[in-house]
Amino acid sequence: MVYDFKKNHSDAAILRSQQIMEEHFAQKISIDALSKEVGVSPRHFKRRFKKATGENPLAYLQLLRIETAKRELETTQKTMNEITWDVGYEDINSFRKLFKKHTGMLPTEYRKRFSWNV
């Protein structure tokens, strides 16, 4: 799943890190390890990421996960537990809170409003 958001910049290292995050968003991602993967010190990486995307790396990762969860809620009949695990979270309650913070509604409300299958 490829996302086009927040890529209107020319920082090659940050674009590469965004690609890595998109490919591995459901796995545990260490921001420090990611910065080393793209050849930038962790402190400098965080500053460059924020400058390029307007988000810090962790917030961007959360955004990827929320957007993926939204798509799954819209297009599948998966349970909330399945979706929570699919997008890289283990605790369904913390995921629900995060989802509501980003979308303004709980996942079940989102599914009722936007699902193509229900």
PDB file of N, CA and C in Angstrom:
ATOM      1  N   MET A   1       0.844  -1.172   0.000  1.00  0.00           N
ATOM      2  CA  MET A   1       0.000   0.000   0.000  1.00  0.00           C
ATOM      3  C   MET A   1       0.892   1.239   0.000  1.00  0.00           C
ATOM      4  N   VAL A   2       0.768   2.045  -0.987  1.00  0.00           N
ATOM      5  CA  VAL A   2       1.625   3.223  -1.102  1.00  0.00           C
ATOM      6  C   VAL A   2       0.801   4.475  -0.838  1.00  0.00           C
ATOM      7  N   TYR A   3       1.359   5.345  -0.044  1.00  0.00           N
ATOM      8  CA  TYR A   3       0.705   6.608   0.281  1.00  0.00           C
ATOM      9  C   TYR A   3       1.472   7.742  -0.370  1.00  0.00           C
ATOM     10  N   ASP A   4       0.753   8.703  -0.867  1.00  0.00           N
ATOM     11  CA  ASP A   4       1.374   9.838  -1.529  1.00  0.00           C
ATOM     12  C   ASP A   4       1.471  11.061  -0.634  1.00  0.00           C
ATOM     13  N   PHE A   5       0.924  10.983   0.566  1.00  0.00           N
ATOM     14  CA  PHE A   5       0.899  12.180   1.383  1.00  0.00           C
ATOM     15  C   PHE A   5       2.265  12.506   1.970  1.00  0.00           C
ATOM     16  N   LYS A   6       2.471  13.775   2.129  1.00  0.00           N
ATOM     17  CA  LYS A   6       3.654  14.351   2.766  1.00  0.00           C
ATOM     18  C   LYS A   6       4.950  13.988   2.050  1.00  0.00           C
ATOM     19  N   LYS A   7       4.873  13.857   0.722  1.00  0.00           N
ATOM     20  CA  LYS A   7       6.075  13.529  -0.049  1.00  0.00           C
ATOM     21  C   LYS A   7       6.452  14.637  -1.032  1.00  0.00           C
ATOM     22  N   ASN A   8       5.895  15.801  -0.839  1.00  0.00           N
ATOM     23  CA  ASN A   8       6.199  16.914  -1.747  1.00  0.00           C
ATOM     24  C   ASN A   8       7.447  17.661  -1.270  1.00  0.00           C
ATOM     25  N   HIS A   9       8.526  16.903  -1.139  1.00  0.00           N
ATOM     26  CA  HIS A   9       9.817  17.459  -0.758  1.00  0.00           C
ATOM     27  C   HIS A   9      10.896  16.728  -1.554  1.00  0.00           C
ATOM     28  N   SER A  10      12.114  17.206  -1.474  1.00  0.00           N
ATOM     29  CA  SER A  10      13.181  16.621  -2.282  1.00  0.00           C
ATOM     30  C   SER A  10      14.290  15.990  -1.445  1.00  0.00           C
ATOM     31  N   ASP A  11      14.009  15.699  -0.188  1.00  0.00           N
ATOM     32  CA  ASP A  11      15.022  15.095   0.680  1.00  0.00           C
ATOM     33  C   ASP A  11      15.035  13.585   0.440  1.00  0.00           C
ATOM     34  N   ALA A  12      16.043  13.111  -0.296  1.00  0.00           N
ATOM     35  CA  ALA A  12      16.100  11.705  -0.712  1.00  0.00           C
ATOM     36  C   ALA A  12      16.145  10.741   0.480  1.00  0.00           C
ATOM     37  N   ALA A  13      16.881  11.098   1.523  1.00  0.00           N
ATOM     38  CA  ALA A  13      16.971  10.221   2.690  1.00  0.00           C
ATOM     39  C   ALA A  13      15.609  10.101   3.380  1.00  0.00           C
ATOM     40  N   ILE A  14      14.896  11.183   3.467  1.00  0.00           N
ATOM     41  CA  ILE A  14      13.579  11.160   4.112  1.00  0.00           C
ATOM     42  C   ILE A  14      12.577  10.429   3.232  1.00  0.00           C
ATOM     43  N   LEU A  15      12.639  10.631   1.924  1.00  0.00           N
ATOM     44  CA  LEU A  15      11.759   9.871   1.026  1.00  0.00           C
ATOM     45  C   LEU A  15      12.011   8.374   1.166  1.00  0.00           C
ATOM     46  N   ARG A  16      13.274   7.978   1.276  1.00  0.00           N
ATOM     47  CA  ARG A  16      13.610   6.563   1.459  1.00  0.00           C
ATOM     48  C   ARG A  16      13.071   6.055   2.792  1.00  0.00           C
ATOM     49  N   SER A  17      13.192   6.857   3.832  1.00  0.00           N
ATOM     50  CA  SER A  17      12.672   6.438   5.139  1.00  0.00           C
ATOM     51  C   SER A  17      11.150   6.302   5.096  1.00  0.00           C
ATOM     52  N   GLN A  18      10.479   7.169   4.353  1.00  0.00           N
ATOM     53  CA  GLN A  18       9.026   7.067   4.217  1.00  0.00           C
ATOM     54  C   GLN A  18       8.670   5.761   3.500  1.00  0.00           C
ATOM     55  N   GLN A  19       9.437   5.415   2.494  1.00  0.00           N
ATOM     56  CA  GLN A  19       9.199   4.165   1.768  1.00  0.00           C
ATOM     57  C   GLN A  19       9.385   2.964   2.693  1.00  0.00           C
ATOM     58  N   ILE A  20      10.437   2.976   3.492  1.00  0.00           N
ATOM     59  CA  ILE A  20      10.682   1.886   4.434  1.00  0.00           C
ATOM     60  C   ILE A  20       9.526   1.786   5.430  1.00  0.00           C
ATOM     61  N   MET A  21       9.081   2.918   5.936  1.00  0.00           N
ATOM     62  CA  MET A  21       7.974   2.927   6.891  1.00  0.00           C
ATOM     63  C   MET A  21       6.703   2.368   6.249  1.00  0.00           C
ATOM     64  N   GLU A  22       6.451   2.720   4.999  1.00  0.00           N
ATOM     65  CA  GLU A  22       5.266   2.217   4.303  1.00  0.00           C
ATOM     66  C   GLU A  22       5.332   0.702   4.114  1.00  0.00           C
ATOM     67  N   GLU A  23       6.517   0.201   3.844  1.00  0.00           N
ATOM     68  CA  GLU A  23       6.675  -1.232   3.605  1.00  0.00           C
ATOM     69  C   GLU A  23       6.630  -2.052   4.892  1.00  0.00           C
ATOM     70  N   HIS A  24       6.966  -1.435   6.022  1.00  0.00           N
ATOM     71  CA  HIS A  24       7.104  -2.180   7.275  1.00  0.00           C
ATOM     72  C   HIS A  24       6.286  -1.589   8.425  1.00  0.00           C
ATOM     73  N   PHE A  25       5.248  -0.814   8.127  1.00  0.00           N
ATOM     74  CA  PHE A  25       4.516  -0.087   9.172  1.00  0.00           C
ATOM     75  C   PHE A  25       3.920  -0.992  10.240  1.00  0.00           C
ATOM     76  N   ALA A  26       3.617  -2.243   9.914  1.00  0.00           N
ATOM     77  CA  ALA A  26       2.985  -3.140  10.878  1.00  0.00           C
ATOM     78  C   ALA A  26       4.006  -3.780  11.822  1.00  0.00           C
ATOM     79  N   GLN A  27       5.270  -3.581  11.537  1.00  0.00           N
ATOM     80  CA  GLN A  27       6.325  -4.129  12.382  1.00  0.00           C
ATOM     81  C   GLN A  27       6.801  -3.061  13.359  1.00  0.00           C
ATOM     82  N   LYS A  28       7.505  -3.507  14.384  1.00  0.00           N
ATOM     83  CA  LYS A  28       8.109  -2.532  15.288  1.00  0.00           C
ATOM     84  C   LYS A  28       9.219  -1.829  14.530  1.00  0.00           C
ATOM     85  N   ILE A  29       9.156  -0.519  14.516  1.00  0.00           N
ATOM     86  CA  ILE A  29      10.154   0.276  13.808  1.00  0.00           C
ATOM     87  C   ILE A  29      10.856   1.182  14.805  1.00  0.00           C
ATOM     88  N   SER A  30      12.158   1.028  14.882  1.00  0.00           N
ATOM     89  CA  SER A  30      12.978   1.897  15.713  1.00  0.00           C
ATOM     90  C   SER A  30      13.368   3.111  14.869  1.00  0.00           C
ATOM     91  N   ILE A  31      13.038   4.272  15.355  1.00  0.00           N
ATOM     92  CA  ILE A  31      13.368   5.494  14.621  1.00  0.00           C
ATOM     93  C   ILE A  31      14.887   5.635  14.519  1.00  0.00           C
ATOM     94  N   ASP A  32      15.614   5.266  15.566  1.00  0.00           N
ATOM     95  CA  ASP A  32      17.070   5.340  15.521  1.00  0.00           C
ATOM     96  C   ASP A  32      17.633   4.383  14.468  1.00  0.00           C
ATOM     97  N   ALA A  33      17.104   3.154  14.414  1.00  0.00           N
ATOM     98  CA  ALA A  33      17.563   2.191  13.405  1.00  0.00           C
ATOM     99  C   ALA A  33      17.206   2.672  12.000  1.00  0.00           C
ATOM    100  N   LEU A  34      16.033   3.273  11.860  1.00  0.00           N
ATOM    101  CA  LEU A  34      15.610   3.802  10.563  1.00  0.00           C
ATOM    102  C   LEU A  34      16.547   4.918  10.105  1.00  0.00           C
ATOM    103  N   SER A  35      16.917   5.770  11.026  1.00  0.00           N
ATOM    104  CA  SER A  35      17.824   6.862  10.668  1.00  0.00           C
ATOM    105  C   SER A  35      19.171   6.308  10.198  1.00  0.00           C
ATOM    106  N   LYS A  36      19.660   5.278  10.861  1.00  0.00           N
ATOM    107  CA  LYS A  36      20.930   4.659  10.447  1.00  0.00           C
ATOM    108  C   LYS A  36      20.782   4.001   9.085  1.00  0.00           C
ATOM    109  N   GLU A  37      19.625   3.412   8.828  1.00  0.00           N
ATOM    110  CA  GLU A  37      19.358   2.762   7.536  1.00  0.00           C
ATOM    111  C   GLU A  37      19.491   3.748   6.378  1.00  0.00           C
ATOM    112  N   VAL A  38      19.094   4.981   6.615  1.00  0.00           N
ATOM    113  CA  VAL A  38      19.167   5.985   5.547  1.00  0.00           C
ATOM    114  C   VAL A  38      20.404   6.874   5.669  1.00  0.00           C
ATOM    115  N   GLY A  39      21.284   6.547   6.626  1.00  0.00           N
ATOM    116  CA  GLY A  39      22.571   7.228   6.714  1.00  0.00           C
ATOM    117  C   GLY A  39      22.565   8.599   7.347  1.00  0.00           C
ATOM    118  N   VAL A  40      21.664   8.809   8.307  1.00  0.00           N
ATOM    119  CA  VAL A  40      21.572  10.114   8.973  1.00  0.00           C
ATOM    120  C   VAL A  40      21.558   9.868  10.480  1.00  0.00           C
ATOM    121  N   SER A  41      22.238  10.712  11.240  1.00  0.00           N
ATOM    122  CA  SER A  41      22.230  10.554  12.698  1.00  0.00           C
ATOM    123  C   SER A  41      20.787  10.698  13.205  1.00  0.00           C
ATOM    124  N   PRO A  42      20.434   9.991  14.284  1.00  0.00           N
ATOM    125  CA  PRO A  42      19.046  10.057  14.781  1.00  0.00           C
ATOM    126  C   PRO A  42      18.545  11.480  15.041  1.00  0.00           C
ATOM    127  N   ARG A  43      19.354  12.292  15.655  1.00  0.00           N
ATOM    128  CA  ARG A  43      18.921  13.666  15.977  1.00  0.00           C
ATOM    129  C   ARG A  43      18.687  14.475  14.701  1.00  0.00           C
ATOM    130  N   HIS A  44      19.619  14.382  13.782  1.00  0.00           N
ATOM    131  CA  HIS A  44      19.489  15.109  12.520  1.00  0.00           C
ATOM    132  C   HIS A  44      18.328  14.551  11.690  1.00  0.00           C
ATOM    133  N   PHE A  45      18.164  13.240  11.726  1.00  0.00           N
ATOM    134  CA  PHE A  45      17.061  12.593  11.001  1.00  0.00           C
ATOM    135  C   PHE A  45      15.705  13.141  11.459  1.00  0.00           C
ATOM    136  N   LYS A  46      15.514  13.221  12.757  1.00  0.00           N
ATOM    137  CA  LYS A  46      14.234  13.710  13.285  1.00  0.00           C
ATOM    138  C   LYS A  46      13.963  15.143  12.844  1.00  0.00           C
ATOM    139  N   ARG A  47      14.992  15.970  12.867  1.00  0.00           N
ATOM    140  CA  ARG A  47      14.831  17.356  12.415  1.00  0.00           C
ATOM    141  C   ARG A  47      14.513  17.419  10.920  1.00  0.00           C
ATOM    142  N   ARG A  48      15.257  16.667  10.121  1.00  0.00           N
ATOM    143  CA  ARG A  48      15.020  16.669   8.672  1.00  0.00           C
ATOM    144  C   ARG A  48      13.654  16.089   8.327  1.00  0.00           C
ATOM    145  N   PHE A  49      13.249  15.050   9.033  1.00  0.00           N
ATOM    146  CA  PHE A  49      11.945  14.437   8.768  1.00  0.00           C
ATOM    147  C   PHE A  49      10.836  15.449   9.035  1.00  0.00           C
ATOM    148  N   LYS A  50      10.925  16.124  10.156  1.00  0.00           N
ATOM    149  CA  LYS A  50       9.925  17.127  10.518  1.00  0.00           C
ATOM    150  C   LYS A  50       9.901  18.272   9.501  1.00  0.00           C
ATOM    151  N   LYS A  51      11.081  18.714   9.074  1.00  0.00           N
ATOM    152  CA  LYS A  51      11.163  19.805   8.101  1.00  0.00           C
ATOM    153  C   LYS A  51      10.556  19.376   6.762  1.00  0.00           C
ATOM    154  N   ALA A  52      10.829  18.150   6.343  1.00  0.00           N
ATOM    155  CA  ALA A  52      10.370  17.677   5.039  1.00  0.00           C
ATOM    156  C   ALA A  52       8.883  17.341   5.009  1.00  0.00           C
ATOM    157  N   THR A  53       8.370  16.760   6.096  1.00  0.00           N
ATOM    158  CA  THR A  53       6.994  16.243   6.073  1.00  0.00           C
ATOM    159  C   THR A  53       6.014  17.034   6.937  1.00  0.00           C
ATOM    160  N   GLY A  54       6.541  17.816   7.857  1.00  0.00           N
ATOM    161  CA  GLY A  54       5.667  18.519   8.796  1.00  0.00           C
ATOM    162  C   GLY A  54       5.261  17.663   9.987  1.00  0.00           C
ATOM    163  N   GLU A  55       5.736  16.423  10.025  1.00  0.00           N
ATOM    164  CA  GLU A  55       5.430  15.488  11.117  1.00  0.00           C
ATOM    165  C   GLU A  55       6.730  14.942  11.677  1.00  0.00           C
ATOM    166  N   ASN A  56       6.698  14.554  12.949  1.00  0.00           N
ATOM    167  CA  ASN A  56       7.844  13.810  13.449  1.00  0.00           C
ATOM    168  C   ASN A  56       7.698  12.359  12.975  1.00  0.00           C
ATOM    169  N   PRO A  57       8.770  11.580  12.959  1.00  0.00           N
ATOM    170  CA  PRO A  57       8.693  10.227  12.400  1.00  0.00           C
ATOM    171  C   PRO A  57       7.648   9.332  13.065  1.00  0.00           C
ATOM    172  N   LEU A  58       7.515   9.401  14.381  1.00  0.00           N
ATOM    173  CA  LEU A  58       6.536   8.557  15.061  1.00  0.00           C
ATOM    174  C   LEU A  58       5.110   8.950  14.676  1.00  0.00           C
ATOM    175  N   ALA A  59       4.826  10.230  14.596  1.00  0.00           N
ATOM    176  CA  ALA A  59       3.491  10.682  14.190  1.00  0.00           C
ATOM    177  C   ALA A  59       3.190  10.237  12.760  1.00  0.00           C
ATOM    178  N   TYR A  60       4.191  10.276  11.896  1.00  0.00           N
ATOM    179  CA  TYR A  60       4.012   9.823  10.510  1.00  0.00           C
ATOM    180  C   TYR A  60       3.690   8.330  10.482  1.00  0.00           C
ATOM    181  N   LEU A  61       4.406   7.548  11.278  1.00  0.00           N
ATOM    182  CA  LEU A  61       4.141   6.111  11.357  1.00  0.00           C
ATOM    183  C   LEU A  61       2.718   5.853  11.850  1.00  0.00           C
ATOM    184  N   GLN A  62       2.290   6.590  12.850  1.00  0.00           N
ATOM    185  CA  GLN A  62       0.919   6.449  13.340  1.00  0.00           C
ATOM    186  C   GLN A  62      -0.087   6.797  12.252  1.00  0.00           C
ATOM    187  N   LEU A  63       0.203   7.828  11.493  1.00  0.00           N
ATOM    188  CA  LEU A  63      -0.678   8.228  10.399  1.00  0.00           C
ATOM    189  C   LEU A  63      -0.795   7.116   9.354  1.00  0.00           C
ATOM    190  N   LEU A  64       0.321   6.487   9.015  1.00  0.00           N
ATOM    191  CA  LEU A  64       0.285   5.350   8.088  1.00  0.00           C
ATOM    192  C   LEU A  64      -0.621   4.243   8.626  1.00  0.00           C
ATOM    193  N   ARG A  65      -0.475   3.954   9.890  1.00  0.00           N
ATOM    194  CA  ARG A  65      -1.268   2.888  10.506  1.00  0.00           C
ATOM    195  C   ARG A  65      -2.751   3.242  10.538  1.00  0.00           C
ATOM    196  N   ILE A  66      -3.065   4.475  10.875  1.00  0.00           N
ATOM    197  CA  ILE A  66      -4.467   4.906  10.920  1.00  0.00           C
ATOM    198  C   ILE A  66      -5.073   4.862   9.517  1.00  0.00           C
ATOM    199  N   GLU A  67      -4.358   5.351   8.524  1.00  0.00           N
ATOM    200  CA  GLU A  67      -4.877   5.333   7.151  1.00  0.00           C
ATOM    201  C   GLU A  67      -5.114   3.904   6.664  1.00  0.00           C
ATOM    202  N   THR A  68      -4.226   3.000   7.020  1.00  0.00           N
ATOM    203  CA  THR A  68      -4.410   1.595   6.646  1.00  0.00           C
ATOM    204  C   THR A  68      -5.621   1.018   7.359  1.00  0.00           C
ATOM    205  N   ALA A  69      -5.780   1.321   8.631  1.00  0.00           N
ATOM    206  CA  ALA A  69      -6.941   0.844   9.378  1.00  0.00           C
ATOM    207  C   ALA A  69      -8.236   1.387   8.774  1.00  0.00           C
ATOM    208  N   LYS A  70      -8.219   2.646   8.366  1.00  0.00           N
ATOM    209  CA  LYS A  70      -9.417   3.229   7.739  1.00  0.00           C
ATOM    210  C   LYS A  70      -9.783   2.452   6.476  1.00  0.00           C
ATOM    211  N   ARG A  71      -8.791   2.155   5.654  1.00  0.00           N
ATOM    212  CA  ARG A  71      -9.061   1.387   4.429  1.00  0.00           C
ATOM    213  C   ARG A  71      -9.628   0.009   4.748  1.00  0.00           C
ATOM    214  N   GLU A  72      -9.056  -0.638   5.761  1.00  0.00           N
ATOM    215  CA  GLU A  72      -9.552  -1.959   6.129  1.00  0.00           C
ATOM    216  C   GLU A  72     -10.974  -1.889   6.682  1.00  0.00           C
ATOM    217  N   LEU A  73     -11.269  -0.865   7.454  1.00  0.00           N
ATOM    218  CA  LEU A  73     -12.630  -0.702   7.969  1.00  0.00           C
ATOM    219  C   LEU A  73     -13.622  -0.449   6.838  1.00  0.00           C
ATOM    220  N   GLU A  74     -13.182   0.272   5.834  1.00  0.00           N
ATOM    221  CA  GLU A  74     -14.055   0.597   4.700  1.00  0.00           C
ATOM    222  C   GLU A  74     -14.290  -0.596   3.775  1.00  0.00           C
ATOM    223  N   THR A  75     -13.305  -1.460   3.637  1.00  0.00           N
ATOM    224  CA  THR A  75     -13.346  -2.444   2.561  1.00  0.00           C
ATOM    225  C   THR A  75     -13.331  -3.902   2.990  1.00  0.00           C
ATOM    226  N   THR A  76     -13.213  -4.182   4.288  1.00  0.00           N
ATOM    227  CA  THR A  76     -13.181  -5.577   4.738  1.00  0.00           C
ATOM    228  C   THR A  76     -14.183  -5.802   5.860  1.00  0.00           C
ATOM    229  N   GLN A  77     -14.365  -7.060   6.179  1.00  0.00           N
ATOM    230  CA  GLN A  77     -15.202  -7.437   7.318  1.00  0.00           C
ATOM    231  C   GLN A  77     -14.346  -7.895   8.501  1.00  0.00           C
ATOM    232  N   LYS A  78     -13.074  -7.592   8.480  1.00  0.00           N
ATOM    233  CA  LYS A  78     -12.181  -7.999   9.559  1.00  0.00           C
ATOM    234  C   LYS A  78     -12.665  -7.428  10.886  1.00  0.00           C
ATOM    235  N   THR A  79     -12.393  -8.151  11.954  1.00  0.00           N
ATOM    236  CA  THR A  79     -12.741  -7.666  13.290  1.00  0.00           C
ATOM    237  C   THR A  79     -11.780  -6.548  13.685  1.00  0.00           C
ATOM    238  N   MET A  80     -12.144  -5.814  14.711  1.00  0.00           N
ATOM    239  CA  MET A  80     -11.269  -4.754  15.199  1.00  0.00           C
ATOM    240  C   MET A  80      -9.958  -5.338  15.698  1.00  0.00           C
ATOM    241  N   ASN A  81      -9.996  -6.495  16.342  1.00  0.00           N
ATOM    242  CA  ASN A  81      -8.751  -7.124  16.783  1.00  0.00           C
ATOM    243  C   ASN A  81      -7.846  -7.422  15.588  1.00  0.00           C
ATOM    244  N   GLU A  82      -8.391  -7.969  14.530  1.00  0.00           N
ATOM    245  CA  GLU A  82      -7.598  -8.295  13.349  1.00  0.00           C
ATOM    246  C   GLU A  82      -6.981  -7.034  12.739  1.00  0.00           C
ATOM    247  N   ILE A  83      -7.783  -5.999  12.617  1.00  0.00           N
ATOM    248  CA  ILE A  83      -7.279  -4.749  12.039  1.00  0.00           C
ATOM    249  C   ILE A  83      -6.213  -4.139  12.938  1.00  0.00           C
ATOM    250  N   THR A  84      -6.456  -4.156  14.233  1.00  0.00           N
ATOM    251  CA  THR A  84      -5.482  -3.621  15.182  1.00  0.00           C
ATOM    252  C   THR A  84      -4.137  -4.311  15.006  1.00  0.00           C
ATOM    253  N   TRP A  85      -4.147  -5.623  14.933  1.00  0.00           N
ATOM    254  CA  TRP A  85      -2.893  -6.385  14.767  1.00  0.00           C
ATOM    255  C   TRP A  85      -2.301  -6.168  13.377  1.00  0.00           C
ATOM    256  N   ASP A  86      -3.159  -6.101  12.353  1.00  0.00           N
ATOM    257  CA  ASP A  86      -2.678  -5.898  10.978  1.00  0.00           C
ATOM    258  C   ASP A  86      -1.873  -4.613  10.822  1.00  0.00           C
ATOM    259  N   VAL A  87      -2.254  -3.589  11.567  1.00  0.00           N
ATOM    260  CA  VAL A  87      -1.582  -2.297  11.408  1.00  0.00           C
ATOM    261  C   VAL A  87      -0.467  -2.075  12.428  1.00  0.00           C
ATOM    262  N   GLY A  88      -0.162  -3.099  13.232  1.00  0.00           N
ATOM    263  CA  GLY A  88       1.008  -3.014  14.093  1.00  0.00           C
ATOM    264  C   GLY A  88       0.780  -2.668  15.545  1.00  0.00           C
ATOM    265  N   TYR A  89      -0.463  -2.735  15.996  1.00  0.00           N
ATOM    266  CA  TYR A  89      -0.731  -2.480  17.407  1.00  0.00           C
ATOM    267  C   TYR A  89      -1.148  -3.776  18.086  1.00  0.00           C
ATOM    268  N   GLU A  90      -0.859  -3.881  19.371  1.00  0.00           N
ATOM    269  CA  GLU A  90      -1.239  -5.059  20.136  1.00  0.00           C
ATOM    270  C   GLU A  90      -2.396  -4.770  21.077  1.00  0.00           C
ATOM    271  N   ASP A  91      -2.507  -3.548  21.518  1.00  0.00           N
ATOM    272  CA  ASP A  91      -3.536  -3.160  22.486  1.00  0.00           C
ATOM    273  C   ASP A  91      -4.679  -2.447  21.771  1.00  0.00           C
ATOM    274  N   ILE A  92      -5.818  -3.124  21.707  1.00  0.00           N
ATOM    275  CA  ILE A  92      -6.960  -2.576  20.971  1.00  0.00           C
ATOM    276  C   ILE A  92      -7.476  -1.287  21.603  1.00  0.00           C
ATOM    277  N   ASN A  93      -7.428  -1.179  22.924  1.00  0.00           N
ATOM    278  CA  ASN A  93      -7.932   0.032  23.581  1.00  0.00           C
ATOM    279  C   ASN A  93      -7.089   1.260  23.252  1.00  0.00           C
ATOM    280  N   SER A  94      -5.773   1.103  23.276  1.00  0.00           N
ATOM    281  CA  SER A  94      -4.935   2.260  22.932  1.00  0.00           C
ATOM    282  C   SER A  94      -5.089   2.599  21.453  1.00  0.00           C
ATOM    283  N   PHE A  95      -5.273   1.577  20.610  1.00  0.00           N
ATOM    284  CA  PHE A  95      -5.494   1.848  19.196  1.00  0.00           C
ATOM    285  C   PHE A  95      -6.806   2.608  18.983  1.00  0.00           C
ATOM    286  N   ARG A  96      -7.862   2.215  19.670  1.00  0.00           N
ATOM    287  CA  ARG A  96      -9.143   2.930  19.539  1.00  0.00           C
ATOM    288  C   ARG A  96      -9.007   4.399  19.920  1.00  0.00           C
ATOM    289  N   LYS A  97      -8.288   4.658  21.013  1.00  0.00           N
ATOM    290  CA  LYS A  97      -8.084   6.049  21.448  1.00  0.00           C
ATOM    291  C   LYS A  97      -7.308   6.832  20.390  1.00  0.00           C
ATOM    292  N   LEU A  98      -6.264   6.218  19.853  1.00  0.00           N
ATOM    293  CA  LEU A  98      -5.466   6.868  18.816  1.00  0.00           C
ATOM    294  C   LEU A  98      -6.298   7.104  17.557  1.00  0.00           C
ATOM    295  N   PHE A  99      -7.104   6.127  17.175  1.00  0.00           N
ATOM    296  CA  PHE A  99      -7.961   6.250  16.002  1.00  0.00           C
ATOM    297  C   PHE A  99      -8.941   7.409  16.191  1.00  0.00           C
ATOM    298  N   LYS A 100      -9.545   7.472  17.366  1.00  0.00           N
ATOM    299  CA  LYS A 100     -10.499   8.559  17.628  1.00  0.00           C
ATOM    300  C   LYS A 100      -9.806   9.920  17.627  1.00  0.00           C
ATOM    301  N   LYS A 101      -8.597   9.969  18.159  1.00  0.00           N
ATOM    302  CA  LYS A 101      -7.837  11.232  18.165  1.00  0.00           C
ATOM    303  C   LYS A 101      -7.605  11.716  16.735  1.00  0.00           C
ATOM    304  N   HIS A 102      -7.315  10.797  15.819  1.00  0.00           N
ATOM    305  CA  HIS A 102      -7.000  11.177  14.441  1.00  0.00           C
ATOM    306  C   HIS A 102      -8.238  11.406  13.572  1.00  0.00           C
ATOM    307  N   THR A 103      -9.312  10.674  13.836  1.00  0.00           N
ATOM    308  CA  THR A 103     -10.479  10.734  12.947  1.00  0.00           C
ATOM    309  C   THR A 103     -11.694  11.413  13.564  1.00  0.00           C
ATOM    310  N   GLY A 104     -11.698  11.536  14.883  1.00  0.00           N
ATOM    311  CA  GLY A 104     -12.848  12.130  15.559  1.00  0.00           C
ATOM    312  C   GLY A 104     -13.968  11.138  15.825  1.00  0.00           C
ATOM    313  N   MET A 105     -13.739   9.866  15.496  1.00  0.00           N
ATOM    314  CA  MET A 105     -14.748   8.849  15.774  1.00  0.00           C
ATOM    315  C   MET A 105     -14.076   7.527  16.102  1.00  0.00           C
ATOM    316  N   LEU A 106     -14.814   6.681  16.782  1.00  0.00           N
ATOM    317  CA  LEU A 106     -14.315   5.346  17.089  1.00  0.00           C
ATOM    318  C   LEU A 106     -14.300   4.500  15.823  1.00  0.00           C
ATOM    319  N   PRO A 107     -13.475   3.459  15.782  1.00  0.00           N
ATOM    320  CA  PRO A 107     -13.427   2.604  14.591  1.00  0.00           C
ATOM    321  C   PRO A 107     -14.788   2.035  14.187  1.00  0.00           C
ATOM    322  N   THR A 108     -15.595   1.635  15.159  1.00  0.00           N
ATOM    323  CA  THR A 108     -16.916   1.084  14.823  1.00  0.00           C
ATOM    324  C   THR A 108     -17.806   2.144  14.183  1.00  0.00           C
ATOM    325  N   GLU A 109     -17.728   3.371  14.671  1.00  0.00           N
ATOM    326  CA  GLU A 109     -18.490   4.469  14.070  1.00  0.00           C
ATOM    327  C   GLU A 109     -17.995   4.745  12.659  1.00  0.00           C
ATOM    328  N   TYR A 110     -16.685   4.713  12.489  1.00  0.00           N
ATOM    329  CA  TYR A 110     -16.095   4.953  11.176  1.00  0.00           C
ATOM    330  C   TYR A 110     -16.573   3.891  10.182  1.00  0.00           C
ATOM    331  N   ARG A 111     -16.557   2.640  10.600  1.00  0.00           N
ATOM    332  CA  ARG A 111     -16.988   1.553   9.716  1.00  0.00           C
ATOM    333  C   ARG A 111     -18.453   1.734   9.321  1.00  0.00           C
ATOM    334  N   LYS A 112     -19.311   2.064  10.262  1.00  0.00           N
ATOM    335  CA  LYS A 112     -20.736   2.249   9.949  1.00  0.00           C
ATOM    336  C   LYS A 112     -20.937   3.377   8.941  1.00  0.00           C
ATOM    337  N   ARG A 113     -20.127   4.396   9.042  1.00  0.00           N
ATOM    338  CA  ARG A 113     -20.294   5.559   8.185  1.00  0.00           C
ATOM    339  C   ARG A 113     -19.679   5.385   6.789  1.00  0.00           C
ATOM    340  N   PHE A 114     -18.556   4.698   6.709  1.00  0.00           N
ATOM    341  CA  PHE A 114     -17.807   4.665   5.455  1.00  0.00           C
ATOM    342  C   PHE A 114     -17.630   3.290   4.809  1.00  0.00           C
ATOM    343  N   SER A 115     -18.120   2.250   5.441  1.00  0.00           N
ATOM    344  CA  SER A 115     -17.899   0.908   4.903  1.00  0.00           C
ATOM    345  C   SER A 115     -18.618   0.693   3.596  1.00  0.00           C
ATOM    346  N   TRP A 116     -17.950   0.012   2.675  1.00  0.00           N
ATOM    347  CA  TRP A 116     -18.536  -0.341   1.390  1.00  0.00           C
ATOM    348  C   TRP A 116     -19.230  -1.690   1.453  1.00  0.00           C
ATOM    349  N   ASN A 117     -18.933  -2.462   2.499  1.00  0.00           N
ATOM    350  CA  ASN A 117     -19.425  -3.836   2.586  1.00  0.00           C
ATOM    351  C   ASN A 117     -20.554  -4.046   3.579  1.00  0.00           C
ATOM    352  N   VAL A 118     -20.815  -3.075   4.421  1.00  0.00           N
ATOM    353  CA  VAL A 118     -21.832  -3.276   5.462  1.00  0.00           C
ATOM    354  C   VAL A 118     -23.132  -2.626   5.061  1.00  0.00           C
TER     355      VAL A 118
END
